Amino acid sequence: MDVPLGYDLLVDPDLPPTLPRTTVDLPAGAPVTTAAGALEQFLRQTTGPAEVVIAVEGQPVGATSRAFIAAEFPTTTRALGDGDRAAQPGQSTAYRLIRFECGSCDRAVYRVFYDERTNPVCGEAGHGRMRLAP
């Protein structure tokens, strides 16, 4: 899969795209600002892991690390319109991250949307669909 426009800024070139066992999965068409916000929220909410795969519709586009994001984006700013509660058509990406976990191993996927018809599937053979974490 090609890296969506702008996502290359978030990808740590020193990490193989499938090394981490945790993924932040975004809907198709999610702008790079949404990806950056989801990564920021993930890194702020969790103490580990230090690396994460960035995916769009379940397809990995690259990996990044806590250290890379901290070095490349030391501060965050709000964009015009953030928080004004304006709604756009399509899947909302303005909510908290939702964690899915495998019932058989330590793989996890974080998403900014929930649709039980499209729950992520663990990458390990035979493990099946992941469950919504409590």
C-alpha atoms as a PDB file:
ATOM      1  CA  MET A   1       0.000   0.000   0.000  1.00  0.00           C
ATOM      2  CA  ASP A   2       1.230   3.481  -0.783  1.00  0.00           C
ATOM      3  CA  VAL A   3       1.815   5.778   2.161  1.00  0.00           C
ATOM      4  CA  PRO A   4      -1.064   8.313   2.201  1.00  0.00           C
ATOM      5  CA  LEU A   5      -0.093  11.900   1.492  1.00  0.00           C
ATOM      6  CA  GLY A   6       1.670  13.404   4.504  1.00  0.00           C
ATOM      7  CA  TYR A   7       1.843  10.173   6.513  1.00  0.00           C
ATOM      8  CA  ASP A   8       5.517   9.851   5.591  1.00  0.00           C
ATOM      9  CA  LEU A   9       6.162  12.627   8.124  1.00  0.00           C
ATOM     10  CA  LEU A  10       4.958  10.275  10.887  1.00  0.00           C
ATOM     11  CA  VAL A  11       6.845   7.156   9.779  1.00  0.00           C
ATOM     12  CA  ASP A  12      10.143   6.394  11.517  1.00  0.00           C
ATOM     13  CA  PRO A  13      12.476   5.406   8.658  1.00  0.00           C
ATOM     14  CA  ASP A  14      14.571   3.250  11.027  1.00  0.00           C
ATOM     15  CA  LEU A  15      11.698   0.868  11.882  1.00  0.00           C
ATOM     16  CA  PRO A  16      10.438  -1.970   9.674  1.00  0.00           C
ATOM     17  CA  PRO A  17       6.708  -1.343   9.007  1.00  0.00           C
ATOM     18  CA  THR A  18       5.498  -4.525  10.710  1.00  0.00           C
ATOM     19  CA  LEU A  19       7.920  -4.866  13.639  1.00  0.00           C
ATOM     20  CA  PRO A  20       5.656  -3.577  16.457  1.00  0.00           C
ATOM     21  CA  ARG A  21       2.826  -5.781  17.711  1.00  0.00           C
ATOM     22  CA  THR A  22       0.543  -2.801  18.392  1.00  0.00           C
ATOM     23  CA  THR A  23      -1.279  -0.892  15.653  1.00  0.00           C
ATOM     24  CA  VAL A  24      -3.079   2.442  15.391  1.00  0.00           C
ATOM     25  CA  ASP A  25      -5.616   1.799  12.610  1.00  0.00           C
ATOM     26  CA  LEU A  26      -7.302   4.712  10.829  1.00  0.00           C
ATOM     27  CA  PRO A  27     -10.247   4.865   8.429  1.00  0.00           C
ATOM     28  CA  ALA A  28      -9.579   5.365   4.715  1.00  0.00           C
ATOM     29  CA  GLY A  29      -9.230   9.007   3.821  1.00  0.00           C
ATOM     30  CA  ALA A  30      -8.198  10.083   7.323  1.00  0.00           C
ATOM     31  CA  PRO A  31      -6.063  13.210   6.955  1.00  0.00           C
ATOM     32  CA  VAL A  32      -2.528  13.263   8.331  1.00  0.00           C
ATOM     33  CA  THR A  33      -3.698  15.597  11.126  1.00  0.00           C
ATOM     34  CA  THR A  34      -6.084  12.881  12.311  1.00  0.00           C
ATOM     35  CA  ALA A  35      -3.283  10.309  12.205  1.00  0.00           C
ATOM     36  CA  ALA A  36      -0.985  12.643  14.137  1.00  0.00           C
ATOM     37  CA  GLY A  37      -3.706  13.295  16.719  1.00  0.00           C
ATOM     38  CA  ALA A  38      -4.417   9.582  17.153  1.00  0.00           C
ATOM     39  CA  LEU A  39      -0.701   8.852  17.586  1.00  0.00           C
ATOM     40  CA  GLU A  40      -0.356  11.685  20.077  1.00  0.00           C
ATOM     41  CA  GLN A  41      -3.330  10.396  22.056  1.00  0.00           C
ATOM     42  CA  PHE A  42      -1.982   6.817  21.958  1.00  0.00           C
ATOM     43  CA  LEU A  43       1.453   7.890  23.162  1.00  0.00           C
ATOM     44  CA  ARG A  44      -0.050  10.098  25.873  1.00  0.00           C
ATOM     45  CA  GLN A  45      -2.446   7.370  27.128  1.00  0.00           C
ATOM     46  CA  THR A  46      -0.021   4.475  27.226  1.00  0.00           C
ATOM     47  CA  THR A  47       3.313   3.883  28.895  1.00  0.00           C
ATOM     48  CA  GLY A  48       4.276   1.286  26.324  1.00  0.00           C
ATOM     49  CA  PRO A  49       4.953  -0.009  23.791  1.00  0.00           C
ATOM     50  CA  ALA A  50       7.583   2.340  22.439  1.00  0.00           C
ATOM     51  CA  GLU A  51       6.804   1.440  18.797  1.00  0.00           C
ATOM     52  CA  VAL A  52       3.516   1.276  16.913  1.00  0.00           C
ATOM     53  CA  VAL A  53       2.391   0.374  13.379  1.00  0.00           C
ATOM     54  CA  ILE A  54       0.357   3.017  11.536  1.00  0.00           C
ATOM     55  CA  ALA A  55      -2.364   1.385   9.404  1.00  0.00           C
ATOM     56  CA  VAL A  56      -5.200   2.565   7.178  1.00  0.00           C
ATOM     57  CA  GLU A  57      -8.143   0.185   6.885  1.00  0.00           C
ATOM     58  CA  GLY A  58      -5.977  -2.539   8.422  1.00  0.00           C
ATOM     59  CA  GLN A  59      -3.154  -2.137   5.888  1.00  0.00           C
ATOM     60  CA  PRO A  60       0.201  -1.102   7.430  1.00  0.00           C
ATOM     61  CA  VAL A  61       1.680   2.074   5.932  1.00  0.00           C
ATOM     62  CA  GLY A  62       4.696   2.259   8.242  1.00  0.00           C
ATOM     63  CA  ALA A  63       5.788   2.224  11.855  1.00  0.00           C
ATOM     64  CA  THR A  64       6.782   4.950  14.253  1.00  0.00           C
ATOM     65  CA  SER A  65       8.220   5.226  17.722  1.00  0.00           C
ATOM     66  CA  ARG A  66       7.660   7.306  20.820  1.00  0.00           C
ATOM     67  CA  ALA A  67      11.195   8.727  20.467  1.00  0.00           C
ATOM     68  CA  PHE A  68      10.725   9.632  16.781  1.00  0.00           C
ATOM     69  CA  ILE A  69       7.401  11.429  17.377  1.00  0.00           C
ATOM     70  CA  ALA A  70       8.829  13.290  20.397  1.00  0.00           C
ATOM     71  CA  ALA A  71      11.861  14.398  18.376  1.00  0.00           C
ATOM     72  CA  GLU A  72       9.936  15.403  15.236  1.00  0.00           C
ATOM     73  CA  PHE A  73       6.908  16.964  16.946  1.00  0.00           C
ATOM     74  CA  PRO A  74       8.039  18.359  20.313  1.00  0.00           C
ATOM     75  CA  THR A  75       4.954  20.558  20.659  1.00  0.00           C
ATOM     76  CA  THR A  76       1.429  20.315  19.372  1.00  0.00           C
ATOM     77  CA  THR A  77      -0.844  23.083  18.223  1.00  0.00           C
ATOM     78  CA  ARG A  78      -4.543  23.240  17.608  1.00  0.00           C
ATOM     79  CA  ALA A  79      -5.843  23.922  14.134  1.00  0.00           C
ATOM     80  CA  LEU A  80      -8.503  26.429  13.145  1.00  0.00           C
ATOM     81  CA  GLY A  81     -11.882  24.817  13.797  1.00  0.00           C
ATOM     82  CA  ASP A  82     -10.684  22.331  16.426  1.00  0.00           C
ATOM     83  CA  GLY A  83     -13.287  22.112  19.153  1.00  0.00           C
ATOM     84  CA  ASP A  84     -15.990  24.086  17.348  1.00  0.00           C
ATOM     85  CA  ARG A  85     -18.118  20.925  17.138  1.00  0.00           C
ATOM     86  CA  ALA A  86     -18.568  21.244  13.392  1.00  0.00           C
ATOM     87  CA  ALA A  87     -19.564  17.939  11.808  1.00  0.00           C
ATOM     88  CA  GLN A  88     -18.411  16.566   8.474  1.00  0.00           C
ATOM     89  CA  PRO A  89     -19.908  13.659   6.553  1.00  0.00           C
ATOM     90  CA  GLY A  90     -18.286  10.251   6.996  1.00  0.00           C
ATOM     91  CA  GLN A  91     -16.743   8.460   9.941  1.00  0.00           C
ATOM     92  CA  SER A  92     -15.927  10.699  12.846  1.00  0.00           C
ATOM     93  CA  THR A  93     -12.300  10.771  13.916  1.00  0.00           C
ATOM     94  CA  ALA A  94     -12.742  13.175  16.815  1.00  0.00           C
ATOM     95  CA  TYR A  95     -13.215  10.644  19.595  1.00  0.00           C
ATOM     96  CA  ARG A  96     -10.942   8.748  21.971  1.00  0.00           C
ATOM     97  CA  LEU A  97      -8.959   5.738  20.869  1.00  0.00           C
ATOM     98  CA  ILE A  98     -10.650   2.381  21.197  1.00  0.00           C
ATOM     99  CA  ARG A  99      -8.464  -0.628  22.064  1.00  0.00           C
ATOM    100  CA  PHE A 100      -8.942  -4.089  20.594  1.00  0.00           C
ATOM    101  CA  GLU A 101      -6.924  -7.052  21.858  1.00  0.00           C
ATOM    102  CA  CYS A 102      -6.316 -10.618  20.807  1.00  0.00           C
ATOM    103  CA  GLY A 103      -7.622 -13.257  23.196  1.00  0.00           C
ATOM    104  CA  SER A 104      -4.651 -15.534  22.448  1.00  0.00           C
ATOM    105  CA  CYS A 105      -1.584 -13.243  22.316  1.00  0.00           C
ATOM    106  CA  ASP A 106      -0.403  -9.732  23.169  1.00  0.00           C
ATOM    107  CA  ARG A 107      -1.284  -8.037  19.864  1.00  0.00           C
ATOM    108  CA  ALA A 108      -3.415  -4.893  20.141  1.00  0.00           C
ATOM    109  CA  VAL A 109      -5.036  -2.501  17.669  1.00  0.00           C
ATOM    110  CA  TYR A 110      -6.187   1.036  18.472  1.00  0.00           C
ATOM    111  CA  ARG A 111      -8.840   2.704  16.320  1.00  0.00           C
ATOM    112  CA  VAL A 112     -10.583   6.042  16.254  1.00  0.00           C
ATOM    113  CA  PHE A 113     -13.853   4.401  15.218  1.00  0.00           C
ATOM    114  CA  TYR A 114     -15.918   1.361  16.179  1.00  0.00           C
ATOM    115  CA  ASP A 115     -17.892  -0.810  13.815  1.00  0.00           C
ATOM    116  CA  GLU A 116     -18.379  -4.348  15.109  1.00  0.00           C
ATOM    117  CA  ARG A 117     -18.676  -5.604  11.526  1.00  0.00           C
ATOM    118  CA  THR A 118     -15.054  -4.635  10.910  1.00  0.00           C
ATOM    119  CA  ASN A 119     -13.304  -5.561  14.168  1.00  0.00           C
ATOM    120  CA  PRO A 120      -9.607  -6.139  13.460  1.00  0.00           C
ATOM    121  CA  VAL A 121      -8.245  -9.648  12.986  1.00  0.00           C
ATOM    122  CA  CYS A 122      -5.077 -10.777  14.747  1.00  0.00           C
ATOM    123  CA  GLY A 123      -2.090 -11.257  12.464  1.00  0.00           C
ATOM    124  CA  GLU A 124      -1.223 -14.609  14.057  1.00  0.00           C
ATOM    125  CA  ALA A 125      -2.647 -17.584  12.160  1.00  0.00           C
ATOM    126  CA  GLY A 126      -5.755 -19.051  13.770  1.00  0.00           C
ATOM    127  CA  HIS A 127      -6.269 -16.314  16.355  1.00  0.00           C
ATOM    128  CA  GLY A 128      -9.249 -14.693  14.629  1.00  0.00           C
ATOM    129  CA  ARG A 129     -11.102 -11.480  15.395  1.00  0.00           C
ATOM    130  CA  MET A 130      -9.911  -9.252  18.199  1.00  0.00           C
ATOM    131  CA  ARG A 131     -12.211  -8.244  21.033  1.00  0.00           C
ATOM    132  CA  LEU A 132     -13.042  -4.818  22.367  1.00  0.00           C
ATOM    133  CA  ALA A 133     -10.860  -4.237  25.429  1.00  0.00           C
ATOM    134  CA  PRO A 134     -12.534  -3.199  28.677  1.00  0.00           C
END
